[in-house]
Amino acid sequence: MAVAPAAQGLGIGWALGQAMLQKARQLGAHRVELVSNSTLGPALALYEKLGFQHAPLLPSPYQRGDVRMVLDLPAAG
């Protein structure tokens, strides 16, 4: 996920994250996982604000990915 530099700071990343999580819930997902890079501080802060938690890194095809985060989604009730 990325937001053009000229549009950063406008809440677009937050809105995209919320929409992605809502869609995941609608599709019946129980967990969302992401792989990122430790140099992307603002992105990691956004993911933490969305509720993601750091998790051990698993083998991944993303060579630059050195951070794994997960978010368990509550069952719809």
N, C-alpha and C. Protein backbone atom coordinates (compact mmCIF):
# COMPACT_ATOMS: atom_id res chain seq x y z
N MET A 1 0.86 -1.17 0.00
CA MET A 1 0.00 0.00 0.00
C MET A 1 0.90 1.23 0.00
N ALA A 2 0.55 2.20 -0.80
CA ALA A 2 1.34 3.42 -0.85
C ALA A 2 0.44 4.60 -1.19
N VAL A 3 0.85 5.76 -0.72
CA VAL A 3 0.16 7.01 -1.01
C VAL A 3 1.19 7.96 -1.60
N ALA A 4 0.85 8.60 -2.69
CA ALA A 4 1.76 9.54 -3.33
C ALA A 4 2.22 10.59 -2.33
N PRO A 5 3.48 10.97 -2.38
CA PRO A 5 4.00 11.95 -1.43
C PRO A 5 3.16 13.22 -1.32
N ALA A 6 2.64 13.71 -2.43
CA ALA A 6 1.83 14.93 -2.40
C ALA A 6 0.52 14.76 -1.65
N ALA A 7 0.08 13.51 -1.49
CA ALA A 7 -1.20 13.24 -0.82
C ALA A 7 -1.02 12.69 0.59
N GLN A 8 0.22 12.56 1.04
CA GLN A 8 0.46 12.03 2.38
C GLN A 8 0.04 13.05 3.42
N GLY A 9 -0.37 12.55 4.57
CA GLY A 9 -0.80 13.41 5.67
C GLY A 9 -2.25 13.83 5.59
N LEU A 10 -2.99 13.28 4.64
CA LEU A 10 -4.40 13.64 4.47
C LEU A 10 -5.35 12.56 4.97
N GLY A 11 -4.81 11.52 5.60
CA GLY A 11 -5.65 10.44 6.11
C GLY A 11 -5.99 9.39 5.09
N ILE A 12 -5.37 9.44 3.93
CA ILE A 12 -5.69 8.49 2.87
C ILE A 12 -5.22 7.09 3.24
N GLY A 13 -4.03 6.96 3.82
CA GLY A 13 -3.53 5.66 4.24
C GLY A 13 -4.45 5.02 5.27
N TRP A 14 -4.91 5.82 6.23
CA TRP A 14 -5.83 5.33 7.25
C TRP A 14 -7.13 4.84 6.60
N ALA A 15 -7.67 5.65 5.68
CA ALA A 15 -8.91 5.27 4.99
C ALA A 15 -8.73 4.00 4.17
N LEU A 16 -7.59 3.88 3.48
CA LEU A 16 -7.32 2.66 2.71
C LEU A 16 -7.22 1.45 3.64
N GLY A 17 -6.52 1.62 4.75
CA GLY A 17 -6.38 0.53 5.71
C GLY A 17 -7.73 0.09 6.26
N GLN A 18 -8.56 1.05 6.64
CA GLN A 18 -9.89 0.72 7.16
C GLN A 18 -10.73 0.01 6.11
N ALA A 19 -10.68 0.49 4.87
CA ALA A 19 -11.46 -0.14 3.80
C ALA A 19 -10.97 -1.55 3.53
N MET A 20 -9.66 -1.76 3.57
CA MET A 20 -9.10 -3.09 3.35
C MET A 20 -9.55 -4.05 4.44
N LEU A 21 -9.52 -3.59 5.68
CA LEU A 21 -9.93 -4.46 6.78
C LEU A 21 -11.42 -4.77 6.72
N GLN A 22 -12.23 -3.78 6.34
CA GLN A 22 -13.67 -4.01 6.20
C GLN A 22 -13.94 -5.04 5.10
N LYS A 23 -13.24 -4.93 3.99
CA LYS A 23 -13.41 -5.89 2.89
C LYS A 23 -12.97 -7.28 3.33
N ALA A 24 -11.87 -7.37 4.07
CA ALA A 24 -11.41 -8.66 4.57
C ALA A 24 -12.48 -9.29 5.45
N ARG A 25 -13.10 -8.49 6.31
CA ARG A 25 -14.18 -9.01 7.17
C ARG A 25 -15.35 -9.50 6.32
N GLN A 26 -15.73 -8.71 5.32
CA GLN A 26 -16.85 -9.09 4.44
C GLN A 26 -16.57 -10.40 3.72
N LEU A 27 -15.31 -10.64 3.41
CA LEU A 27 -14.93 -11.87 2.71
C LEU A 27 -14.76 -13.05 3.67
N GLY A 28 -14.92 -12.79 4.97
CA GLY A 28 -14.83 -13.87 5.95
C GLY A 28 -13.43 -14.15 6.46
N ALA A 29 -12.50 -13.22 6.25
CA ALA A 29 -11.13 -13.44 6.72
C ALA A 29 -11.10 -13.43 8.25
N HIS A 30 -10.23 -14.25 8.80
CA HIS A 30 -10.05 -14.30 10.25
C HIS A 30 -8.75 -13.62 10.67
N ARG A 31 -7.86 -13.41 9.70
CA ARG A 31 -6.55 -12.79 10.00
C ARG A 31 -6.05 -12.10 8.74
N VAL A 32 -5.40 -10.98 8.96
CA VAL A 32 -4.72 -10.27 7.87
C VAL A 32 -3.25 -10.20 8.26
N GLU A 33 -2.38 -10.52 7.32
CA GLU A 33 -0.94 -10.47 7.55
C GLU A 33 -0.31 -9.57 6.50
N LEU A 34 0.78 -8.92 6.88
CA LEU A 34 1.50 -8.11 5.92
C LEU A 34 3.00 -8.26 6.14
N VAL A 35 3.74 -8.01 5.09
CA VAL A 35 5.20 -7.99 5.15
C VAL A 35 5.62 -6.60 4.70
N SER A 36 6.50 -5.97 5.47
CA SER A 36 6.95 -4.62 5.17
C SER A 36 8.46 -4.54 5.41
N ASN A 37 8.95 -3.33 5.49
CA ASN A 37 10.38 -3.11 5.70
C ASN A 37 10.57 -2.17 6.88
N SER A 38 11.56 -2.44 7.70
CA SER A 38 11.80 -1.68 8.92
C SER A 38 12.18 -0.22 8.65
N THR A 39 12.56 0.11 7.43
CA THR A 39 12.89 1.50 7.11
C THR A 39 11.65 2.35 6.86
N LEU A 40 10.49 1.74 6.77
CA LEU A 40 9.25 2.45 6.46
C LEU A 40 8.51 2.82 7.75
N GLY A 41 9.13 3.64 8.56
CA GLY A 41 8.59 4.01 9.87
C GLY A 41 7.16 4.51 9.85
N PRO A 42 6.81 5.49 9.00
CA PRO A 42 5.43 5.96 8.99
C PRO A 42 4.42 4.87 8.63
N ALA A 43 4.78 3.98 7.71
CA ALA A 43 3.89 2.88 7.33
C ALA A 43 3.70 1.93 8.51
N LEU A 44 4.78 1.58 9.20
CA LEU A 44 4.68 0.69 10.34
C LEU A 44 3.83 1.31 11.44
N ALA A 45 3.98 2.61 11.65
CA ALA A 45 3.17 3.30 12.65
C ALA A 45 1.69 3.25 12.27
N LEU A 46 1.39 3.40 10.99
CA LEU A 46 0.00 3.31 10.53
C LEU A 46 -0.54 1.91 10.78
N TYR A 47 0.23 0.89 10.44
CA TYR A 47 -0.24 -0.48 10.66
C TYR A 47 -0.49 -0.74 12.14
N GLU A 48 0.38 -0.23 12.99
CA GLU A 48 0.18 -0.39 14.44
C GLU A 48 -1.09 0.32 14.87
N LYS A 49 -1.33 1.52 14.34
CA LYS A 49 -2.54 2.28 14.67
C LYS A 49 -3.79 1.52 14.21
N LEU A 50 -3.68 0.79 13.11
CA LEU A 50 -4.80 -0.02 12.61
C LEU A 50 -5.02 -1.27 13.45
N GLY A 51 -4.07 -1.59 14.33
CA GLY A 51 -4.22 -2.74 15.21
C GLY A 51 -3.30 -3.90 14.92
N PHE A 52 -2.46 -3.78 13.90
CA PHE A 52 -1.53 -4.87 13.59
C PHE A 52 -0.48 -4.99 14.68
N GLN A 53 -0.03 -6.22 14.91
CA GLN A 53 1.02 -6.49 15.88
C GLN A 53 2.18 -7.18 15.18
N HIS A 54 3.38 -6.88 15.65
CA HIS A 54 4.57 -7.51 15.09
C HIS A 54 4.56 -9.00 15.38
N ALA A 55 5.03 -9.77 14.42
CA ALA A 55 5.09 -11.23 14.53
C ALA A 55 6.40 -11.70 13.93
N PRO A 56 6.84 -12.90 14.31
CA PRO A 56 8.09 -13.42 13.73
C PRO A 56 7.99 -13.49 12.20
N LEU A 57 9.09 -13.14 11.57
CA LEU A 57 9.15 -13.17 10.11
C LEU A 57 9.22 -14.62 9.63
N LEU A 58 8.43 -14.93 8.63
CA LEU A 58 8.42 -16.25 8.01
C LEU A 58 9.11 -16.15 6.65
N PRO A 59 9.51 -17.27 6.08
CA PRO A 59 10.07 -17.20 4.72
C PRO A 59 9.09 -16.51 3.78
N SER A 60 9.62 -15.63 2.95
CA SER A 60 8.77 -14.82 2.09
C SER A 60 9.48 -14.58 0.76
N PRO A 61 8.71 -14.46 -0.32
CA PRO A 61 9.34 -14.14 -1.60
C PRO A 61 9.75 -12.67 -1.69
N TYR A 62 9.36 -11.86 -0.70
CA TYR A 62 9.68 -10.43 -0.71
C TYR A 62 11.03 -10.22 -0.06
N GLN A 63 12.05 -10.07 -0.87
CA GLN A 63 13.43 -10.01 -0.38
C GLN A 63 13.68 -8.81 0.53
N ARG A 64 12.99 -7.69 0.30
CA ARG A 64 13.21 -6.50 1.12
C ARG A 64 12.36 -6.52 2.39
N GLY A 65 11.44 -7.48 2.49
CA GLY A 65 10.57 -7.56 3.66
C GLY A 65 11.32 -8.10 4.87
N ASP A 66 11.41 -7.29 5.91
CA ASP A 66 12.06 -7.75 7.14
C ASP A 66 11.17 -7.55 8.37
N VAL A 67 9.90 -7.22 8.12
CA VAL A 67 8.92 -7.04 9.19
C VAL A 67 7.64 -7.76 8.78
N ARG A 68 7.12 -8.55 9.70
CA ARG A 68 5.83 -9.22 9.49
C ARG A 68 4.90 -8.74 10.58
N MET A 69 3.66 -8.40 10.20
CA MET A 69 2.66 -7.95 11.16
C MET A 69 1.36 -8.71 10.89
N VAL A 70 0.60 -8.94 11.95
CA VAL A 70 -0.66 -9.67 11.83
C VAL A 70 -1.75 -8.94 12.58
N LEU A 71 -2.96 -9.14 12.14
CA LEU A 71 -4.14 -8.62 12.81
C LEU A 71 -5.22 -9.68 12.75
N ASP A 72 -5.60 -10.20 13.92
CA ASP A 72 -6.69 -11.15 13.99
C ASP A 72 -8.01 -10.36 13.98
N LEU A 73 -8.93 -10.80 13.14
CA LEU A 73 -10.22 -10.14 13.01
C LEU A 73 -11.24 -10.89 13.84
N PRO A 74 -12.01 -10.18 14.64
CA PRO A 74 -13.04 -10.86 15.43
C PRO A 74 -14.12 -11.46 14.53
N ALA A 75 -14.68 -12.55 14.99
CA ALA A 75 -15.77 -13.17 14.23
C ALA A 75 -16.98 -12.23 14.22
N ALA A 76 -17.65 -12.20 13.09
CA ALA A 76 -18.84 -11.35 12.99
C ALA A 76 -19.91 -11.87 13.96
N GLY A 77 -20.57 -10.96 14.60
CA GLY A 77 -21.53 -11.39 15.61
C GLY A 77 -22.87 -10.83 15.47
